[in-house]
Amino acid sequence: MVEELDYPGIRMLTVTPEARGKGVAKALITECISCAKARAHLSIGLHTGEFMESAMELYECLGFERLPDFDFDGIIVKANQLTF
């Protein structure tokens, strides 16, 4: 179990169905990455559910890597991290 993270995390980011496919999620994630870099962090993390297939594709495309050791037990929530 993680007691304290040494990097910021993206939490509860969502885009309305009407805005999907228009680059909104990518712009939001890119801004989060920029803010983390501006504050001299070396990485940023997030969790996602297995059912969020398009989100997982986007995160992978942006360079996030899976961190299975930080997945939540009992429910399918996958940990990811992007190191800059």
PDB file of N, CA and C in Angstrom:
ATOM      1  N   MET A   1       0.843  -1.189   0.000  1.00  0.00           N
ATOM      2  CA  MET A   1       0.000   0.000   0.000  1.00  0.00           C
ATOM      3  C   MET A   1       0.879   1.240   0.000  1.00  0.00           C
ATOM      4  N   VAL A   2       0.470   2.238  -0.737  1.00  0.00           N
ATOM      5  CA  VAL A   2       1.233   3.470  -0.849  1.00  0.00           C
ATOM      6  C   VAL A   2       0.825   4.407   0.282  1.00  0.00           C
ATOM      7  N   GLU A   3       1.780   4.807   1.091  1.00  0.00           N
ATOM      8  CA  GLU A   3       1.510   5.734   2.190  1.00  0.00           C
ATOM      9  C   GLU A   3       1.511   7.180   1.694  1.00  0.00           C
ATOM     10  N   GLU A   4       2.539   7.514   0.910  1.00  0.00           N
ATOM     11  CA  GLU A   4       2.674   8.882   0.421  1.00  0.00           C
ATOM     12  C   GLU A   4       3.354   8.848  -0.939  1.00  0.00           C
ATOM     13  N   LEU A   5       2.803   9.551  -1.891  1.00  0.00           N
ATOM     14  CA  LEU A   5       3.380   9.589  -3.226  1.00  0.00           C
ATOM     15  C   LEU A   5       4.372  10.733  -3.331  1.00  0.00           C
ATOM     16  N   ASP A   6       5.401  10.535  -4.138  1.00  0.00           N
ATOM     17  CA  ASP A   6       6.367  11.603  -4.354  1.00  0.00           C
ATOM     18  C   ASP A   6       6.150  12.264  -5.717  1.00  0.00           C
ATOM     19  N   TYR A   7       4.946  12.086  -6.254  1.00  0.00           N
ATOM     20  CA  TYR A   7       4.591  12.704  -7.524  1.00  0.00           C
ATOM     21  C   TYR A   7       3.097  13.056  -7.501  1.00  0.00           C
ATOM     22  N   PRO A   8       2.684  14.044  -8.294  1.00  0.00           N
ATOM     23  CA  PRO A   8       1.264  14.405  -8.323  1.00  0.00           C
ATOM     24  C   PRO A   8       0.446  13.374  -9.095  1.00  0.00           C
ATOM     25  N   GLY A   9      -0.866  13.410  -8.873  1.00  0.00           N
ATOM     26  CA  GLY A   9      -1.748  12.482  -9.564  1.00  0.00           C
ATOM     27  C   GLY A   9      -2.929  13.193 -10.192  1.00  0.00           C
ATOM     28  N   ILE A  10      -3.413  12.609 -11.258  1.00  0.00           N
ATOM     29  CA  ILE A  10      -4.624  13.084 -11.930  1.00  0.00           C
ATOM     30  C   ILE A  10      -5.763  12.243 -11.385  1.00  0.00           C
ATOM     31  N   ARG A  11      -6.813  12.908 -10.952  1.00  0.00           N
ATOM     32  CA  ARG A  11      -7.906  12.169 -10.327  1.00  0.00           C
ATOM     33  C   ARG A  11      -9.253  12.641 -10.854  1.00  0.00           C
ATOM     34  N   MET A  12     -10.097  11.688 -11.172  1.00  0.00           N
ATOM     35  CA  MET A  12     -11.485  11.952 -11.552  1.00  0.00           C
ATOM     36  C   MET A  12     -11.619  12.872 -12.768  1.00  0.00           C
ATOM     37  N   LEU A  13     -10.761  12.702 -13.746  1.00  0.00           N
ATOM     38  CA  LEU A  13     -10.864  13.489 -14.968  1.00  0.00           C
ATOM     39  C   LEU A  13     -11.881  12.819 -15.882  1.00  0.00           C
ATOM     40  N   THR A  14     -12.833  13.583 -16.338  1.00  0.00           N
ATOM     41  CA  THR A  14     -13.854  13.030 -17.229  1.00  0.00           C
ATOM     42  C   THR A  14     -14.247  14.063 -18.276  1.00  0.00           C
ATOM     43  N   VAL A  15     -14.719  13.576 -19.388  1.00  0.00           N
ATOM     44  CA  VAL A  15     -15.159  14.438 -20.484  1.00  0.00           C
ATOM     45  C   VAL A  15     -16.586  13.999 -20.842  1.00  0.00           C
ATOM     46  N   THR A  16     -17.455  14.948 -21.043  1.00  0.00           N
ATOM     47  CA  THR A  16     -18.843  14.611 -21.377  1.00  0.00           C
ATOM     48  C   THR A  16     -18.898  13.852 -22.709  1.00  0.00           C
ATOM     49  N   PRO A  17     -19.897  13.014 -22.867  1.00  0.00           N
ATOM     50  CA  PRO A  17     -20.012  12.257 -24.127  1.00  0.00           C
ATOM     51  C   PRO A  17     -20.012  13.159 -25.366  1.00  0.00           C
ATOM     52  N   GLU A  18     -20.610  14.327 -25.271  1.00  0.00           N
ATOM     53  CA  GLU A  18     -20.685  15.237 -26.421  1.00  0.00           C
ATOM     54  C   GLU A  18     -19.303  15.783 -26.805  1.00  0.00           C
ATOM     55  N   ALA A  19     -18.393  15.867 -25.843  1.00  0.00           N
ATOM     56  CA  ALA A  19     -17.071  16.432 -26.107  1.00  0.00           C
ATOM     57  C   ALA A  19     -16.033  15.369 -26.461  1.00  0.00           C
ATOM     58  N   ARG A  20     -16.385  14.115 -26.362  1.00  0.00           N
ATOM     59  CA  ARG A  20     -15.422  13.035 -26.634  1.00  0.00           C
ATOM     60  C   ARG A  20     -15.049  12.990 -28.108  1.00  0.00           C
ATOM     61  N   GLY A  21     -13.806  12.629 -28.353  1.00  0.00           N
ATOM     62  CA  GLY A  21     -13.310  12.519 -29.726  1.00  0.00           C
ATOM     63  C   GLY A  21     -12.884  13.842 -30.326  1.00  0.00           C
ATOM     64  N   LYS A  22     -12.847  14.886 -29.515  1.00  0.00           N
ATOM     65  CA  LYS A  22     -12.494  16.223 -30.003  1.00  0.00           C
ATOM     66  C   LYS A  22     -11.183  16.736 -29.426  1.00  0.00           C
ATOM     67  N   GLY A  23     -10.451  15.874 -28.720  1.00  0.00           N
ATOM     68  CA  GLY A  23      -9.158  16.278 -28.177  1.00  0.00           C
ATOM     69  C   GLY A  23      -9.209  16.932 -26.807  1.00  0.00           C
ATOM     70  N   VAL A  24     -10.382  16.964 -26.193  1.00  0.00           N
ATOM     71  CA  VAL A  24     -10.541  17.610 -24.891  1.00  0.00           C
ATOM     72  C   VAL A  24      -9.750  16.867 -23.812  1.00  0.00           C
ATOM     73  N   ALA A  25      -9.899  15.555 -23.744  1.00  0.00           N
ATOM     74  CA  ALA A  25      -9.183  14.765 -22.728  1.00  0.00           C
ATOM     75  C   ALA A  25      -7.680  14.903 -22.905  1.00  0.00           C
ATOM     76  N   LYS A  26      -7.212  14.838 -24.139  1.00  0.00           N
ATOM     77  CA  LYS A  26      -5.775  14.978 -24.403  1.00  0.00           C
ATOM     78  C   LYS A  26      -5.281  16.350 -23.950  1.00  0.00           C
ATOM     79  N   ALA A  27      -6.053  17.388 -24.217  1.00  0.00           N
ATOM     80  CA  ALA A  27      -5.668  18.741 -23.801  1.00  0.00           C
ATOM     81  C   ALA A  27      -5.618  18.852 -22.276  1.00  0.00           C
ATOM     82  N   LEU A  28      -6.588  18.256 -21.588  1.00  0.00           N
ATOM     83  CA  LEU A  28      -6.609  18.303 -20.127  1.00  0.00           C
ATOM     84  C   LEU A  28      -5.420  17.555 -19.530  1.00  0.00           C
ATOM     85  N   ILE A  29      -5.134  16.357 -20.051  1.00  0.00           N
ATOM     86  CA  ILE A  29      -4.007  15.565 -19.552  1.00  0.00           C
ATOM     87  C   ILE A  29      -2.692  16.284 -19.849  1.00  0.00           C
ATOM     88  N   THR A  30      -2.571  16.846 -21.034  1.00  0.00           N
ATOM     89  CA  THR A  30      -1.350  17.580 -21.414  1.00  0.00           C
ATOM     90  C   THR A  30      -1.131  18.768 -20.488  1.00  0.00           C
ATOM     91  N   GLU A  31      -2.194  19.454 -20.114  1.00  0.00           N
ATOM     92  CA  GLU A  31      -2.079  20.584 -19.183  1.00  0.00           C
ATOM     93  C   GLU A  31      -1.647  20.104 -17.799  1.00  0.00           C
ATOM     94  N   CYS A  32      -2.189  18.987 -17.353  1.00  0.00           N
ATOM     95  CA  CYS A  32      -1.770  18.418 -16.065  1.00  0.00           C
ATOM     96  C   CYS A  32      -0.287  18.070 -16.087  1.00  0.00           C
ATOM     97  N   ILE A  33       0.170  17.489 -17.185  1.00  0.00           N
ATOM     98  CA  ILE A  33       1.591  17.147 -17.339  1.00  0.00           C
ATOM     99  C   ILE A  33       2.437  18.411 -17.309  1.00  0.00           C
ATOM    100  N   SER A  34       2.012  19.439 -18.019  1.00  0.00           N
ATOM    101  CA  SER A  34       2.751  20.713 -18.047  1.00  0.00           C
ATOM    102  C   SER A  34       2.852  21.328 -16.656  1.00  0.00           C
ATOM    103  N   CYS A  35       1.758  21.293 -15.907  1.00  0.00           N
ATOM    104  CA  CYS A  35       1.772  21.838 -14.541  1.00  0.00           C
ATOM    105  C   CYS A  35       2.727  21.056 -13.645  1.00  0.00           C
ATOM    106  N   ALA A  36       2.730  19.745 -13.776  1.00  0.00           N
ATOM    107  CA  ALA A  36       3.634  18.914 -12.963  1.00  0.00           C
ATOM    108  C   ALA A  36       5.089  19.215 -13.306  1.00  0.00           C
ATOM    109  N   LYS A  37       5.385  19.327 -14.595  1.00  0.00           N
ATOM    110  CA  LYS A  37       6.759  19.650 -15.019  1.00  0.00           C
ATOM    111  C   LYS A  37       7.173  21.031 -14.524  1.00  0.00           C
ATOM    112  N   ALA A  38       6.271  21.999 -14.594  1.00  0.00           N
ATOM    113  CA  ALA A  38       6.565  23.362 -14.152  1.00  0.00           C
ATOM    114  C   ALA A  38       6.886  23.421 -12.665  1.00  0.00           C
ATOM    115  N   ARG A  39       6.380  22.467 -11.918  1.00  0.00           N
ATOM    116  CA  ARG A  39       6.639  22.394 -10.475  1.00  0.00           C
ATOM    117  C   ARG A  39       7.793  21.436 -10.157  1.00  0.00           C
ATOM    118  N   ALA A  40       8.549  21.093 -11.203  1.00  0.00           N
ATOM    119  CA  ALA A  40       9.764  20.279 -11.094  1.00  0.00           C
ATOM    120  C   ALA A  40       9.520  18.837 -10.657  1.00  0.00           C
ATOM    121  N   HIS A  41       8.311  18.322 -10.872  1.00  0.00           N
ATOM    122  CA  HIS A  41       8.063  16.903 -10.601  1.00  0.00           C
ATOM    123  C   HIS A  41       8.648  16.086 -11.741  1.00  0.00           C
ATOM    124  N   LEU A  42       9.033  14.878 -11.437  1.00  0.00           N
ATOM    125  CA  LEU A  42       9.647  14.009 -12.435  1.00  0.00           C
ATOM    126  C   LEU A  42       8.654  13.041 -13.070  1.00  0.00           C
ATOM    127  N   SER A  43       7.451  12.985 -12.511  1.00  0.00           N
ATOM    128  CA  SER A  43       6.433  12.097 -13.070  1.00  0.00           C
ATOM    129  C   SER A  43       5.058  12.534 -12.577  1.00  0.00           C
ATOM    130  N   ILE A  44       4.048  11.905 -13.152  1.00  0.00           N
ATOM    131  CA  ILE A  44       2.664  12.142 -12.763  1.00  0.00           C
ATOM    132  C   ILE A  44       1.930  10.803 -12.867  1.00  0.00           C
ATOM    133  N   GLY A  45       0.986  10.553 -11.984  1.00  0.00           N
ATOM    134  CA  GLY A  45       0.302   9.264 -11.986  1.00  0.00           C
ATOM    135  C   GLY A  45      -1.196   9.400 -12.105  1.00  0.00           C
ATOM    136  N   LEU A  46      -1.844   8.276 -12.355  1.00  0.00           N
ATOM    137  CA  LEU A  46      -3.302   8.222 -12.401  1.00  0.00           C
ATOM    138  C   LEU A  46      -3.737   6.769 -12.279  1.00  0.00           C
ATOM    139  N   HIS A  47      -4.997   6.572 -11.953  1.00  0.00           N
ATOM    140  CA  HIS A  47      -5.608   5.239 -11.944  1.00  0.00           C
ATOM    141  C   HIS A  47      -6.751   5.252 -12.943  1.00  0.00           C
ATOM    142  N   THR A  48      -7.001   4.120 -13.516  1.00  0.00           N
ATOM    143  CA  THR A  48      -8.087   4.007 -14.473  1.00  0.00           C
ATOM    144  C   THR A  48      -8.752   2.641 -14.332  1.00  0.00           C
ATOM    145  N   GLY A  49      -9.999   2.560 -14.725  1.00  0.00           N
ATOM    146  CA  GLY A  49     -10.709   1.294 -14.679  1.00  0.00           C
ATOM    147  C   GLY A  49     -10.529   0.524 -15.973  1.00  0.00           C
ATOM    148  N   GLU A  50     -10.595  -0.783 -15.881  1.00  0.00           N
ATOM    149  CA  GLU A  50     -10.396  -1.632 -17.051  1.00  0.00           C
ATOM    150  C   GLU A  50     -11.427  -1.353 -18.148  1.00  0.00           C
ATOM    151  N   PHE A  51     -12.608  -0.897 -17.770  1.00  0.00           N
ATOM    152  CA  PHE A  51     -13.665  -0.607 -18.743  1.00  0.00           C
ATOM    153  C   PHE A  51     -13.402   0.678 -19.542  1.00  0.00           C
ATOM    154  N   MET A  52     -12.420   1.475 -19.113  1.00  0.00           N
ATOM    155  CA  MET A  52     -12.129   2.763 -19.757  1.00  0.00           C
ATOM    156  C   MET A  52     -11.109   2.567 -20.894  1.00  0.00           C
ATOM    157  N   GLU A  53     -11.525   1.839 -21.919  1.00  0.00           N
ATOM    158  CA  GLU A  53     -10.615   1.444 -22.983  1.00  0.00           C
ATOM    159  C   GLU A  53     -10.017   2.631 -23.734  1.00  0.00           C
ATOM    160  N   SER A  54     -10.843   3.624 -24.109  1.00  0.00           N
ATOM    161  CA  SER A  54     -10.289   4.763 -24.856  1.00  0.00           C
ATOM    162  C   SER A  54      -9.359   5.594 -24.004  1.00  0.00           C
ATOM    163  N   ALA A  55      -9.677   5.721 -22.724  1.00  0.00           N
ATOM    164  CA  ALA A  55      -8.795   6.460 -21.816  1.00  0.00           C
ATOM    165  C   ALA A  55      -7.444   5.758 -21.708  1.00  0.00           C
ATOM    166  N   MET A  56      -7.468   4.434 -21.576  1.00  0.00           N
ATOM    167  CA  MET A  56      -6.209   3.689 -21.468  1.00  0.00           C
ATOM    168  C   MET A  56      -5.379   3.837 -22.737  1.00  0.00           C
ATOM    169  N   GLU A  57      -6.037   3.856 -23.900  1.00  0.00           N
ATOM    170  CA  GLU A  57      -5.321   4.073 -25.166  1.00  0.00           C
ATOM    171  C   GLU A  57      -4.670   5.447 -25.190  1.00  0.00           C
ATOM    172  N   LEU A  58      -5.405   6.456 -24.729  1.00  0.00           N
ATOM    173  CA  LEU A  58      -4.867   7.819 -24.688  1.00  0.00           C
ATOM    174  C   LEU A  58      -3.664   7.895 -23.754  1.00  0.00           C
ATOM    175  N   TYR A  59      -3.787   7.340 -22.555  1.00  0.00           N
ATOM    176  CA  TYR A  59      -2.681   7.387 -21.598  1.00  0.00           C
ATOM    177  C   TYR A  59      -1.450   6.691 -22.158  1.00  0.00           C
ATOM    178  N   GLU A  60      -1.648   5.552 -22.801  1.00  0.00           N
ATOM    179  CA  GLU A  60      -0.518   4.824 -23.392  1.00  0.00           C
ATOM    180  C   GLU A  60       0.110   5.647 -24.517  1.00  0.00           C
ATOM    181  N   CYS A  61      -0.713   6.271 -25.333  1.00  0.00           N
ATOM    182  CA  CYS A  61      -0.231   7.120 -26.431  1.00  0.00           C
ATOM    183  C   CYS A  61       0.592   8.292 -25.904  1.00  0.00           C
ATOM    184  N   LEU A  62       0.208   8.808 -24.734  1.00  0.00           N
ATOM    185  CA  LEU A  62       0.931   9.933 -24.126  1.00  0.00           C
ATOM    186  C   LEU A  62       2.187   9.483 -23.373  1.00  0.00           C
ATOM    187  N   GLY A  63       2.400   8.168 -23.269  1.00  0.00           N
ATOM    188  CA  GLY A  63       3.619   7.664 -22.655  1.00  0.00           C
ATOM    189  C   GLY A  63       3.478   7.097 -21.253  1.00  0.00           C
ATOM    190  N   PHE A  64       2.256   7.062 -20.722  1.00  0.00           N
ATOM    191  CA  PHE A  64       2.061   6.480 -19.389  1.00  0.00           C
ATOM    192  C   PHE A  64       2.383   4.992 -19.434  1.00  0.00           C
ATOM    193  N   GLU A  65       2.962   4.502 -18.368  1.00  0.00           N
ATOM    194  CA  GLU A  65       3.287   3.085 -18.251  1.00  0.00           C
ATOM    195  C   GLU A  65       2.533   2.492 -17.075  1.00  0.00           C
ATOM    196  N   ARG A  66       2.135   1.237 -17.231  1.00  0.00           N
ATOM    197  CA  ARG A  66       1.409   0.547 -16.159  1.00  0.00           C
ATOM    198  C   ARG A  66       2.290   0.317 -14.949  1.00  0.00           C
ATOM    199  N   LEU A  67       1.706   0.464 -13.770  1.00  0.00           N
ATOM    200  CA  LEU A  67       2.365   0.179 -12.494  1.00  0.00           C
ATOM    201  C   LEU A  67       1.486  -0.808 -11.721  1.00  0.00           C
ATOM    202  N   PRO A  68       1.487  -2.076 -12.105  1.00  0.00           N
ATOM    203  CA  PRO A  68       0.599  -3.056 -11.476  1.00  0.00           C
ATOM    204  C   PRO A  68       0.748  -3.146  -9.960  1.00  0.00           C
ATOM    205  N   ASP A  69       1.930  -2.844  -9.432  1.00  0.00           N
ATOM    206  CA  ASP A  69       2.129  -2.902  -7.975  1.00  0.00           C
ATOM    207  C   ASP A  69       1.274  -1.889  -7.222  1.00  0.00           C
ATOM    208  N   PHE A  70       0.756  -0.884  -7.929  1.00  0.00           N
ATOM    209  CA  PHE A  70      -0.047   0.152  -7.284  1.00  0.00           C
ATOM    210  C   PHE A  70      -1.532   0.057  -7.641  1.00  0.00           C
ATOM    211  N   ASP A  71      -1.933  -1.035  -8.299  1.00  0.00           N
ATOM    212  CA  ASP A  71      -3.359  -1.271  -8.566  1.00  0.00           C
ATOM    213  C   ASP A  71      -4.067  -1.481  -7.234  1.00  0.00           C
ATOM    214  N   PHE A  72      -5.354  -1.155  -7.181  1.00  0.00           N
ATOM    215  CA  PHE A  72      -6.146  -1.394  -5.989  1.00  0.00           C
ATOM    216  C   PHE A  72      -6.578  -2.857  -5.966  1.00  0.00           C
ATOM    217  N   ASP A  73      -6.546  -3.472  -4.815  1.00  0.00           N
ATOM    218  CA  ASP A  73      -6.992  -4.856  -4.669  1.00  0.00           C
ATOM    219  C   ASP A  73      -8.512  -4.913  -4.571  1.00  0.00           C
ATOM    220  N   GLY A  74      -9.081  -5.976  -5.085  1.00  0.00           N
ATOM    221  CA  GLY A  74     -10.509  -6.208  -4.933  1.00  0.00           C
ATOM    222  C   GLY A  74     -11.362  -5.594  -6.024  1.00  0.00           C
ATOM    223  N   ILE A  75     -10.906  -4.514  -6.632  1.00  0.00           N
ATOM    224  CA  ILE A  75     -11.618  -3.907  -7.751  1.00  0.00           C
ATOM    225  C   ILE A  75     -10.593  -3.696  -8.856  1.00  0.00           C
ATOM    226  N   ILE A  76     -11.058  -3.628 -10.068  1.00  0.00           N
ATOM    227  CA  ILE A  76     -10.132  -3.483 -11.182  1.00  0.00           C
ATOM    228  C   ILE A  76      -9.890  -2.001 -11.430  1.00  0.00           C
ATOM    229  N   VAL A  77      -8.834  -1.483 -10.799  1.00  0.00           N
ATOM    230  CA  VAL A  77      -8.388  -0.105 -11.009  1.00  0.00           C
ATOM    231  C   VAL A  77      -6.896  -0.185 -11.262  1.00  0.00           C
ATOM    232  N   LYS A  78      -6.474   0.250 -12.413  1.00  0.00           N
ATOM    233  CA  LYS A  78      -5.086   0.093 -12.836  1.00  0.00           C
ATOM    234  C   LYS A  78      -4.289   1.381 -12.618  1.00  0.00           C
ATOM    235  N   ALA A  79      -3.112   1.228 -12.031  1.00  0.00           N
ATOM    236  CA  ALA A  79      -2.227   2.364 -11.793  1.00  0.00           C
ATOM    237  C   ALA A  79      -1.334   2.584 -13.010  1.00  0.00           C
ATOM    238  N   ASN A  80      -1.064   3.856 -13.325  1.00  0.00           N
ATOM    239  CA  ASN A  80      -0.213   4.244 -14.439  1.00  0.00           C
ATOM    240  C   ASN A  80       0.652   5.422 -14.002  1.00  0.00           C
ATOM    241  N   GLN A  81       1.793   5.608 -14.658  1.00  0.00           N
ATOM    242  CA  GLN A  81       2.663   6.733 -14.357  1.00  0.00           C
ATOM    243  C   GLN A  81       3.402   7.150 -15.612  1.00  0.00           C
ATOM    244  N   LEU A  82       3.618   8.439 -15.771  1.00  0.00           N
ATOM    245  CA  LEU A  82       4.425   8.999 -16.851  1.00  0.00           C
ATOM    246  C   LEU A  82       5.625   9.658 -16.211  1.00  0.00           C
ATOM    247  N   THR A  83       6.824   9.217 -16.568  1.00  0.00           N
ATOM    248  CA  THR A  83       8.052   9.825 -16.043  1.00  0.00           C
ATOM    249  C   THR A  83       8.612  10.721 -17.132  1.00  0.00           C
ATOM    250  N   PHE A  84       8.994  11.952 -16.769  1.00  0.00           N
ATOM    251  CA  PHE A  84       9.525  12.883 -17.755  1.00  0.00           C
ATOM    252  C   PHE A  84      11.026  12.943 -17.653  1.00  0.00           C
TER     253      PHE A  84
END
